[in-house]
Amino acid sequence: MITLYKNLPTLDLHGFDRDYARIKINEFISDNHIMKNKKIIIIHGNGEGILRKTCQKTLKNNKYVTEYKINNFNSGETIVNIK
């Protein structure tokens, strides 16, 4: 597998429910905004898409997120650009 983003801060949501995932995503983004990291990775997995949908909805509503997209090389993770 090609890993282009291996040195970026990463949050793994495996095993989280929707509500806890939403909280952890917002905390992770806030922490990385404070640390001035401009790009992060959120691993949500593939499965039934519940965590992916929760992740995308949370990212859409977060004021620090400028852009996000599913990783072309791994559809189980989302690449996020933050302010």
PDB file of N, CA and C in Angstrom:
ATOM      1  N   MET A   1       0.830  -1.172   0.000  1.00  0.00           N
ATOM      2  CA  MET A   1       0.000   0.000   0.000  1.00  0.00           C
ATOM      3  C   MET A   1       0.883   1.248   0.000  1.00  0.00           C
ATOM      4  N   ILE A   2       0.511   2.219  -0.777  1.00  0.00           N
ATOM      5  CA  ILE A   2       1.226   3.488  -0.823  1.00  0.00           C
ATOM      6  C   ILE A   2       0.686   4.388   0.282  1.00  0.00           C
ATOM      7  N   THR A   3       1.581   4.909   1.101  1.00  0.00           N
ATOM      8  CA  THR A   3       1.179   5.813   2.169  1.00  0.00           C
ATOM      9  C   THR A   3       1.836   7.165   1.932  1.00  0.00           C
ATOM     10  N   LEU A   4       1.059   8.093   1.411  1.00  0.00           N
ATOM     11  CA  LEU A   4       1.582   9.414   1.120  1.00  0.00           C
ATOM     12  C   LEU A   4       1.514  10.341   2.331  1.00  0.00           C
ATOM     13  N   TYR A   5       0.680  10.007   3.274  1.00  0.00           N
ATOM     14  CA  TYR A   5       0.403  10.903   4.387  1.00  0.00           C
ATOM     15  C   TYR A   5       0.820  10.311   5.726  1.00  0.00           C
ATOM     16  N   LYS A   6       1.901   9.539   5.753  1.00  0.00           N
ATOM     17  CA  LYS A   6       2.258   8.795   6.953  1.00  0.00           C
ATOM     18  C   LYS A   6       2.743   9.659   8.113  1.00  0.00           C
ATOM     19  N   ASN A   7       3.184  10.874   7.875  1.00  0.00           N
ATOM     20  CA  ASN A   7       3.693  11.713   8.955  1.00  0.00           C
ATOM     21  C   ASN A   7       2.693  12.735   9.465  1.00  0.00           C
ATOM     22  N   LEU A   8       1.457  12.623   9.044  1.00  0.00           N
ATOM     23  CA  LEU A   8       0.430  13.569   9.483  1.00  0.00           C
ATOM     24  C   LEU A   8      -0.231  13.087  10.774  1.00  0.00           C
ATOM     25  N   PRO A   9      -0.708  14.032  11.597  1.00  0.00           N
ATOM     26  CA  PRO A   9      -1.470  13.635  12.791  1.00  0.00           C
ATOM     27  C   PRO A   9      -2.697  12.830  12.365  1.00  0.00           C
ATOM     28  N   THR A  10      -2.958  11.740  13.077  1.00  0.00           N
ATOM     29  CA  THR A  10      -4.018  10.816  12.686  1.00  0.00           C
ATOM     30  C   THR A  10      -4.915  10.473  13.869  1.00  0.00           C
ATOM     31  N   LEU A  11      -6.211  10.446  13.590  1.00  0.00           N
ATOM     32  CA  LEU A  11      -7.209  10.009  14.570  1.00  0.00           C
ATOM     33  C   LEU A  11      -7.874   8.759  14.020  1.00  0.00           C
ATOM     34  N   ASP A  12      -7.851   7.665  14.783  1.00  0.00           N
ATOM     35  CA  ASP A  12      -8.472   6.405  14.382  1.00  0.00           C
ATOM     36  C   ASP A  12      -9.778   6.240  15.139  1.00  0.00           C
ATOM     37  N   LEU A  13     -10.893   6.164  14.405  1.00  0.00           N
ATOM     38  CA  LEU A  13     -12.227   6.091  15.012  1.00  0.00           C
ATOM     39  C   LEU A  13     -12.748   4.660  15.168  1.00  0.00           C
ATOM     40  N   HIS A  14     -11.950   3.660  14.837  1.00  0.00           N
ATOM     41  CA  HIS A  14     -12.421   2.277  14.958  1.00  0.00           C
ATOM     42  C   HIS A  14     -12.906   1.995  16.380  1.00  0.00           C
ATOM     43  N   GLY A  15     -14.088   1.448  16.502  1.00  0.00           N
ATOM     44  CA  GLY A  15     -14.653   1.093  17.797  1.00  0.00           C
ATOM     45  C   GLY A  15     -15.454   2.204  18.456  1.00  0.00           C
ATOM     46  N   PHE A  16     -15.484   3.390  17.855  1.00  0.00           N
ATOM     47  CA  PHE A  16     -16.236   4.504  18.433  1.00  0.00           C
ATOM     48  C   PHE A  16     -17.686   4.461  17.956  1.00  0.00           C
ATOM     49  N   ASP A  17     -18.610   4.947  18.794  1.00  0.00           N
ATOM     50  CA  ASP A  17     -19.972   5.147  18.309  1.00  0.00           C
ATOM     51  C   ASP A  17     -20.065   6.553  17.715  1.00  0.00           C
ATOM     52  N   ARG A  18     -21.201   6.884  17.107  1.00  0.00           N
ATOM     53  CA  ARG A  18     -21.350   8.170  16.411  1.00  0.00           C
ATOM     54  C   ARG A  18     -21.096   9.369  17.308  1.00  0.00           C
ATOM     55  N   ASP A  19     -21.700   9.364  18.477  1.00  0.00           N
ATOM     56  CA  ASP A  19     -21.591  10.521  19.369  1.00  0.00           C
ATOM     57  C   ASP A  19     -20.163  10.720  19.865  1.00  0.00           C
ATOM     58  N   TYR A  20     -19.522   9.643  20.269  1.00  0.00           N
ATOM     59  CA  TYR A  20     -18.141   9.752  20.753  1.00  0.00           C
ATOM     60  C   TYR A  20     -17.208  10.147  19.609  1.00  0.00           C
ATOM     61  N   ALA A  21     -17.462   9.606  18.411  1.00  0.00           N
ATOM     62  CA  ALA A  21     -16.645   9.959  17.243  1.00  0.00           C
ATOM     63  C   ALA A  21     -16.766  11.451  16.958  1.00  0.00           C
ATOM     64  N   ARG A  22     -17.959  11.998  17.014  1.00  0.00           N
ATOM     65  CA  ARG A  22     -18.180  13.420  16.758  1.00  0.00           C
ATOM     66  C   ARG A  22     -17.388  14.282  17.751  1.00  0.00           C
ATOM     67  N   ILE A  23     -17.432  13.905  19.016  1.00  0.00           N
ATOM     68  CA  ILE A  23     -16.704  14.640  20.056  1.00  0.00           C
ATOM     69  C   ILE A  23     -15.202  14.575  19.801  1.00  0.00           C
ATOM     70  N   LYS A  24     -14.682  13.379  19.540  1.00  0.00           N
ATOM     71  CA  LYS A  24     -13.239  13.205  19.334  1.00  0.00           C
ATOM     72  C   LYS A  24     -12.752  13.913  18.067  1.00  0.00           C
ATOM     73  N   ILE A  25     -13.554  13.916  17.017  1.00  0.00           N
ATOM     74  CA  ILE A  25     -13.175  14.619  15.782  1.00  0.00           C
ATOM     75  C   ILE A  25     -13.030  16.107  16.060  1.00  0.00           C
ATOM     76  N   ASN A  26     -14.013  16.693  16.720  1.00  0.00           N
ATOM     77  CA  ASN A  26     -13.953  18.129  17.017  1.00  0.00           C
ATOM     78  C   ASN A  26     -12.792  18.472  17.939  1.00  0.00           C
ATOM     79  N   GLU A  27     -12.529  17.638  18.933  1.00  0.00           N
ATOM     80  CA  GLU A  27     -11.382  17.859  19.827  1.00  0.00           C
ATOM     81  C   GLU A  27     -10.066  17.761  19.053  1.00  0.00           C
ATOM     82  N   PHE A  28      -9.961  16.763  18.187  1.00  0.00           N
ATOM     83  CA  PHE A  28      -8.745  16.548  17.399  1.00  0.00           C
ATOM     84  C   PHE A  28      -8.475  17.732  16.475  1.00  0.00           C
ATOM     85  N   ILE A  29      -9.516  18.217  15.826  1.00  0.00           N
ATOM     86  CA  ILE A  29      -9.365  19.371  14.940  1.00  0.00           C
ATOM     87  C   ILE A  29      -8.953  20.601  15.738  1.00  0.00           C
ATOM     88  N   SER A  30      -9.606  20.838  16.856  1.00  0.00           N
ATOM     89  CA  SER A  30      -9.286  21.986  17.698  1.00  0.00           C
ATOM     90  C   SER A  30      -7.834  21.927  18.178  1.00  0.00           C
ATOM     91  N   ASP A  31      -7.412  20.771  18.652  1.00  0.00           N
ATOM     92  CA  ASP A  31      -6.031  20.596  19.122  1.00  0.00           C
ATOM     93  C   ASP A  31      -5.025  20.867  18.001  1.00  0.00           C
ATOM     94  N   ASN A  32      -5.306  20.349  16.807  1.00  0.00           N
ATOM     95  CA  ASN A  32      -4.385  20.534  15.689  1.00  0.00           C
ATOM     96  C   ASN A  32      -4.409  21.961  15.161  1.00  0.00           C
ATOM     97  N   HIS A  33      -5.521  22.632  15.276  1.00  0.00           N
ATOM     98  CA  HIS A  33      -5.588  24.047  14.917  1.00  0.00           C
ATOM     99  C   HIS A  33      -4.684  24.857  15.851  1.00  0.00           C
ATOM    100  N   ILE A  34      -4.748  24.560  17.131  1.00  0.00           N
ATOM    101  CA  ILE A  34      -3.905  25.245  18.121  1.00  0.00           C
ATOM    102  C   ILE A  34      -2.423  24.980  17.841  1.00  0.00           C
ATOM    103  N   MET A  35      -2.101  23.750  17.449  1.00  0.00           N
ATOM    104  CA  MET A  35      -0.708  23.389  17.157  1.00  0.00           C
ATOM    105  C   MET A  35      -0.264  23.818  15.760  1.00  0.00           C
ATOM    106  N   LYS A  36      -1.172  24.465  15.028  1.00  0.00           N
ATOM    107  CA  LYS A  36      -0.899  24.991  13.688  1.00  0.00           C
ATOM    108  C   LYS A  36      -0.596  23.913  12.654  1.00  0.00           C
ATOM    109  N   ASN A  37      -1.152  22.716  12.849  1.00  0.00           N
ATOM    110  CA  ASN A  37      -1.075  21.671  11.825  1.00  0.00           C
ATOM    111  C   ASN A  37      -2.136  21.973  10.776  1.00  0.00           C
ATOM    112  N   LYS A  38      -1.757  21.965   9.533  1.00  0.00           N
ATOM    113  CA  LYS A  38      -2.668  22.342   8.449  1.00  0.00           C
ATOM    114  C   LYS A  38      -3.372  21.159   7.801  1.00  0.00           C
ATOM    115  N   LYS A  39      -2.847  19.952   8.009  1.00  0.00           N
ATOM    116  CA  LYS A  39      -3.432  18.769   7.379  1.00  0.00           C
ATOM    117  C   LYS A  39      -3.419  17.623   8.376  1.00  0.00           C
ATOM    118  N   ILE A  40      -4.549  16.912   8.474  1.00  0.00           N
ATOM    119  CA  ILE A  40      -4.679  15.775   9.379  1.00  0.00           C
ATOM    120  C   ILE A  40      -5.387  14.634   8.654  1.00  0.00           C
ATOM    121  N   ILE A  41      -5.323  13.460   9.254  1.00  0.00           N
ATOM    122  CA  ILE A  41      -5.996  12.275   8.721  1.00  0.00           C
ATOM    123  C   ILE A  41      -6.980  11.759   9.768  1.00  0.00           C
ATOM    124  N   ILE A  42      -8.176  11.402   9.315  1.00  0.00           N
ATOM    125  CA  ILE A  42      -9.148  10.744  10.186  1.00  0.00           C
ATOM    126  C   ILE A  42      -9.460   9.390   9.567  1.00  0.00           C
ATOM    127  N   ILE A  43      -9.192   8.331  10.328  1.00  0.00           N
ATOM    128  CA  ILE A  43      -9.457   6.963   9.867  1.00  0.00           C
ATOM    129  C   ILE A  43     -10.825   6.548  10.398  1.00  0.00           C
ATOM    130  N   HIS A  44     -11.737   6.264   9.485  1.00  0.00           N
ATOM    131  CA  HIS A  44     -13.089   5.858   9.870  1.00  0.00           C
ATOM    132  C   HIS A  44     -13.414   4.457   9.402  1.00  0.00           C
ATOM    133  N   GLY A  45     -12.599   3.905   8.543  1.00  0.00           N
ATOM    134  CA  GLY A  45     -12.843   2.562   8.025  1.00  0.00           C
ATOM    135  C   GLY A  45     -13.907   2.584   6.934  1.00  0.00           C
ATOM    136  N   ASN A  46     -14.186   1.416   6.382  1.00  0.00           N
ATOM    137  CA  ASN A  46     -15.181   1.298   5.314  1.00  0.00           C
ATOM    138  C   ASN A  46     -16.507   0.801   5.866  1.00  0.00           C
ATOM    139  N   GLY A  47     -16.579  -0.445   6.248  1.00  0.00           N
ATOM    140  CA  GLY A  47     -17.778  -1.007   6.874  1.00  0.00           C
ATOM    141  C   GLY A  47     -19.084  -0.574   6.235  1.00  0.00           C
ATOM    142  N   GLU A  48     -20.055  -0.229   7.073  1.00  0.00           N
ATOM    143  CA  GLU A  48     -21.374   0.191   6.594  1.00  0.00           C
ATOM    144  C   GLU A  48     -21.429   1.691   6.305  1.00  0.00           C
ATOM    145  N   GLY A  49     -20.380   2.413   6.597  1.00  0.00           N
ATOM    146  CA  GLY A  49     -20.320   3.829   6.285  1.00  0.00           C
ATOM    147  C   GLY A  49     -20.856   4.750   7.363  1.00  0.00           C
ATOM    148  N   ILE A  50     -21.197   4.199   8.521  1.00  0.00           N
ATOM    149  CA  ILE A  50     -21.768   5.017   9.589  1.00  0.00           C
ATOM    150  C   ILE A  50     -20.766   6.040  10.091  1.00  0.00           C
ATOM    151  N   LEU A  51     -19.545   5.589  10.390  1.00  0.00           N
ATOM    152  CA  LEU A  51     -18.528   6.528  10.880  1.00  0.00           C
ATOM    153  C   LEU A  51     -18.072   7.488   9.790  1.00  0.00           C
ATOM    154  N   ARG A  52     -18.034   7.043   8.548  1.00  0.00           N
ATOM    155  CA  ARG A  52     -17.655   7.930   7.447  1.00  0.00           C
ATOM    156  C   ARG A  52     -18.679   9.066   7.319  1.00  0.00           C
ATOM    157  N   LYS A  53     -19.953   8.734   7.366  1.00  0.00           N
ATOM    158  CA  LYS A  53     -21.003   9.753   7.266  1.00  0.00           C
ATOM    159  C   LYS A  53     -20.965  10.703   8.458  1.00  0.00           C
ATOM    160  N   THR A  54     -20.752  10.159   9.647  1.00  0.00           N
ATOM    161  CA  THR A  54     -20.634  10.993  10.846  1.00  0.00           C
ATOM    162  C   THR A  54     -19.441  11.923  10.725  1.00  0.00           C
ATOM    163  N   CYS A  55     -18.327  11.386  10.247  1.00  0.00           N
ATOM    164  CA  CYS A  55     -17.105  12.162  10.065  1.00  0.00           C
ATOM    165  C   CYS A  55     -17.354  13.308   9.081  1.00  0.00           C
ATOM    166  N   GLN A  56     -17.928  13.024   7.944  1.00  0.00           N
ATOM    167  CA  GLN A  56     -18.151  14.048   6.933  1.00  0.00           C
ATOM    168  C   GLN A  56     -19.122  15.120   7.414  1.00  0.00           C
ATOM    169  N   LYS A  57     -20.161  14.717   8.115  1.00  0.00           N
ATOM    170  CA  LYS A  57     -21.124  15.692   8.653  1.00  0.00           C
ATOM    171  C   LYS A  57     -20.448  16.595   9.692  1.00  0.00           C
ATOM    172  N   THR A  58     -19.632  15.996  10.546  1.00  0.00           N
ATOM    173  CA  THR A  58     -18.917  16.762  11.570  1.00  0.00           C
ATOM    174  C   THR A  58     -17.929  17.727  10.930  1.00  0.00           C
ATOM    175  N   LEU A  59     -17.199  17.268   9.929  1.00  0.00           N
ATOM    176  CA  LEU A  59     -16.231  18.122   9.241  1.00  0.00           C
ATOM    177  C   LEU A  59     -16.923  19.276   8.529  1.00  0.00           C
ATOM    178  N   LYS A  60     -18.054  19.006   7.933  1.00  0.00           N
ATOM    179  CA  LYS A  60     -18.809  20.036   7.217  1.00  0.00           C
ATOM    180  C   LYS A  60     -19.215  21.175   8.152  1.00  0.00           C
ATOM    181  N   ASN A  61     -19.496  20.846   9.414  1.00  0.00           N
ATOM    182  CA  ASN A  61     -19.981  21.833  10.372  1.00  0.00           C
ATOM    183  C   ASN A  61     -18.899  22.422  11.272  1.00  0.00           C
ATOM    184  N   ASN A  62     -17.634  22.014  11.075  1.00  0.00           N
ATOM    185  CA  ASN A  62     -16.560  22.517  11.927  1.00  0.00           C
ATOM    186  C   ASN A  62     -15.957  23.775  11.319  1.00  0.00           C
ATOM    187  N   LYS A  63     -15.876  24.844  12.103  1.00  0.00           N
ATOM    188  CA  LYS A  63     -15.416  26.145  11.599  1.00  0.00           C
ATOM    189  C   LYS A  63     -13.939  26.173  11.225  1.00  0.00           C
ATOM    190  N   TYR A  64     -13.145  25.224  11.703  1.00  0.00           N
ATOM    191  CA  TYR A  64     -11.717  25.193  11.388  1.00  0.00           C
ATOM    192  C   TYR A  64     -11.391  24.415  10.114  1.00  0.00           C
ATOM    193  N   VAL A  65     -12.340  23.677   9.591  1.00  0.00           N
ATOM    194  CA  VAL A  65     -12.099  22.834   8.411  1.00  0.00           C
ATOM    195  C   VAL A  65     -12.293  23.656   7.142  1.00  0.00           C
ATOM    196  N   THR A  66     -11.266  23.670   6.290  1.00  0.00           N
ATOM    197  CA  THR A  66     -11.366  24.386   5.020  1.00  0.00           C
ATOM    198  C   THR A  66     -11.701  23.444   3.864  1.00  0.00           C
ATOM    199  N   GLU A  67     -11.274  22.187   3.981  1.00  0.00           N
ATOM    200  CA  GLU A  67     -11.516  21.210   2.918  1.00  0.00           C
ATOM    201  C   GLU A  67     -11.303  19.805   3.474  1.00  0.00           C
ATOM    202  N   TYR A  68     -12.030  18.843   2.933  1.00  0.00           N
ATOM    203  CA  TYR A  68     -11.820  17.437   3.295  1.00  0.00           C
ATOM    204  C   TYR A  68     -12.186  16.561   2.111  1.00  0.00           C
ATOM    205  N   LYS A  69     -11.513  15.417   2.019  1.00  0.00           N
ATOM    206  CA  LYS A  69     -11.792  14.476   0.935  1.00  0.00           C
ATOM    207  C   LYS A  69     -11.361  13.084   1.354  1.00  0.00           C
ATOM    208  N   ILE A  70     -12.009  12.100   0.771  1.00  0.00           N
ATOM    209  CA  ILE A  70     -11.632  10.705   0.985  1.00  0.00           C
ATOM    210  C   ILE A  70     -10.277  10.482   0.312  1.00  0.00           C
ATOM    211  N   ASN A  71      -9.379   9.785   0.997  1.00  0.00           N
ATOM    212  CA  ASN A  71      -8.066   9.474   0.447  1.00  0.00           C
ATOM    213  C   ASN A  71      -8.243   8.573  -0.782  1.00  0.00           C
ATOM    214  N   ASN A  72      -7.649   8.969  -1.903  1.00  0.00           N
ATOM    215  CA  ASN A  72      -7.755   8.191  -3.147  1.00  0.00           C
ATOM    216  C   ASN A  72      -7.127   6.807  -3.025  1.00  0.00           C
ATOM    217  N   PHE A  73      -6.148   6.655  -2.142  1.00  0.00           N
ATOM    218  CA  PHE A  73      -5.448   5.380  -1.998  1.00  0.00           C
ATOM    219  C   PHE A  73      -6.030   4.504  -0.900  1.00  0.00           C
ATOM    220  N   ASN A  74      -6.886   5.079  -0.051  1.00  0.00           N
ATOM    221  CA  ASN A  74      -7.496   4.320   1.044  1.00  0.00           C
ATOM    222  C   ASN A  74      -8.839   4.957   1.379  1.00  0.00           C
ATOM    223  N   SER A  75      -9.916   4.357   0.916  1.00  0.00           N
ATOM    224  CA  SER A  75     -11.243   4.945   1.101  1.00  0.00           C
ATOM    225  C   SER A  75     -11.725   4.878   2.545  1.00  0.00           C
ATOM    226  N   GLY A  76     -10.934   4.287   3.431  1.00  0.00           N
ATOM    227  CA  GLY A  76     -11.297   4.218   4.844  1.00  0.00           C
ATOM    228  C   GLY A  76     -10.760   5.372   5.653  1.00  0.00           C
ATOM    229  N   GLU A  77     -10.196   6.367   4.972  1.00  0.00           N
ATOM    230  CA  GLU A  77      -9.698   7.528   5.698  1.00  0.00           C
ATOM    231  C   GLU A  77      -9.995   8.814   4.932  1.00  0.00           C
ATOM    232  N   THR A  78     -10.115   9.890   5.682  1.00  0.00           N
ATOM    233  CA  THR A  78     -10.398  11.205   5.136  1.00  0.00           C
ATOM    234  C   THR A  78      -9.237  12.138   5.435  1.00  0.00           C
ATOM    235  N   ILE A  79      -8.822  12.887   4.430  1.00  0.00           N
ATOM    236  CA  ILE A  79      -7.758  13.881   4.578  1.00  0.00           C
ATOM    237  C   ILE A  79      -8.440  15.227   4.808  1.00  0.00           C
ATOM    238  N   VAL A  80      -7.996  15.923   5.850  1.00  0.00           N
ATOM    239  CA  VAL A  80      -8.657  17.160   6.253  1.00  0.00           C
ATOM    240  C   VAL A  80      -7.649  18.310   6.259  1.00  0.00           C
ATOM    241  N   ASN A  81      -8.013  19.411   5.633  1.00  0.00           N
ATOM    242  CA  ASN A  81      -7.227  20.648   5.697  1.00  0.00           C
ATOM    243  C   ASN A  81      -7.908  21.565   6.705  1.00  0.00           C
ATOM    244  N   ILE A  82      -7.112  22.129   7.625  1.00  0.00           N
ATOM    245  CA  ILE A  82      -7.673  23.018   8.637  1.00  0.00           C
ATOM    246  C   ILE A  82      -6.970  24.367   8.594  1.00  0.00           C
ATOM    247  N   LYS A  83      -7.648  25.371   9.165  1.00  0.00           N
ATOM    248  CA  LYS A  83      -7.106  26.743   9.195  1.00  0.00           C
ATOM    249  C   LYS A  83      -5.880  26.809  10.057  1.00  0.00           C
TER     250      LYS A  83
END
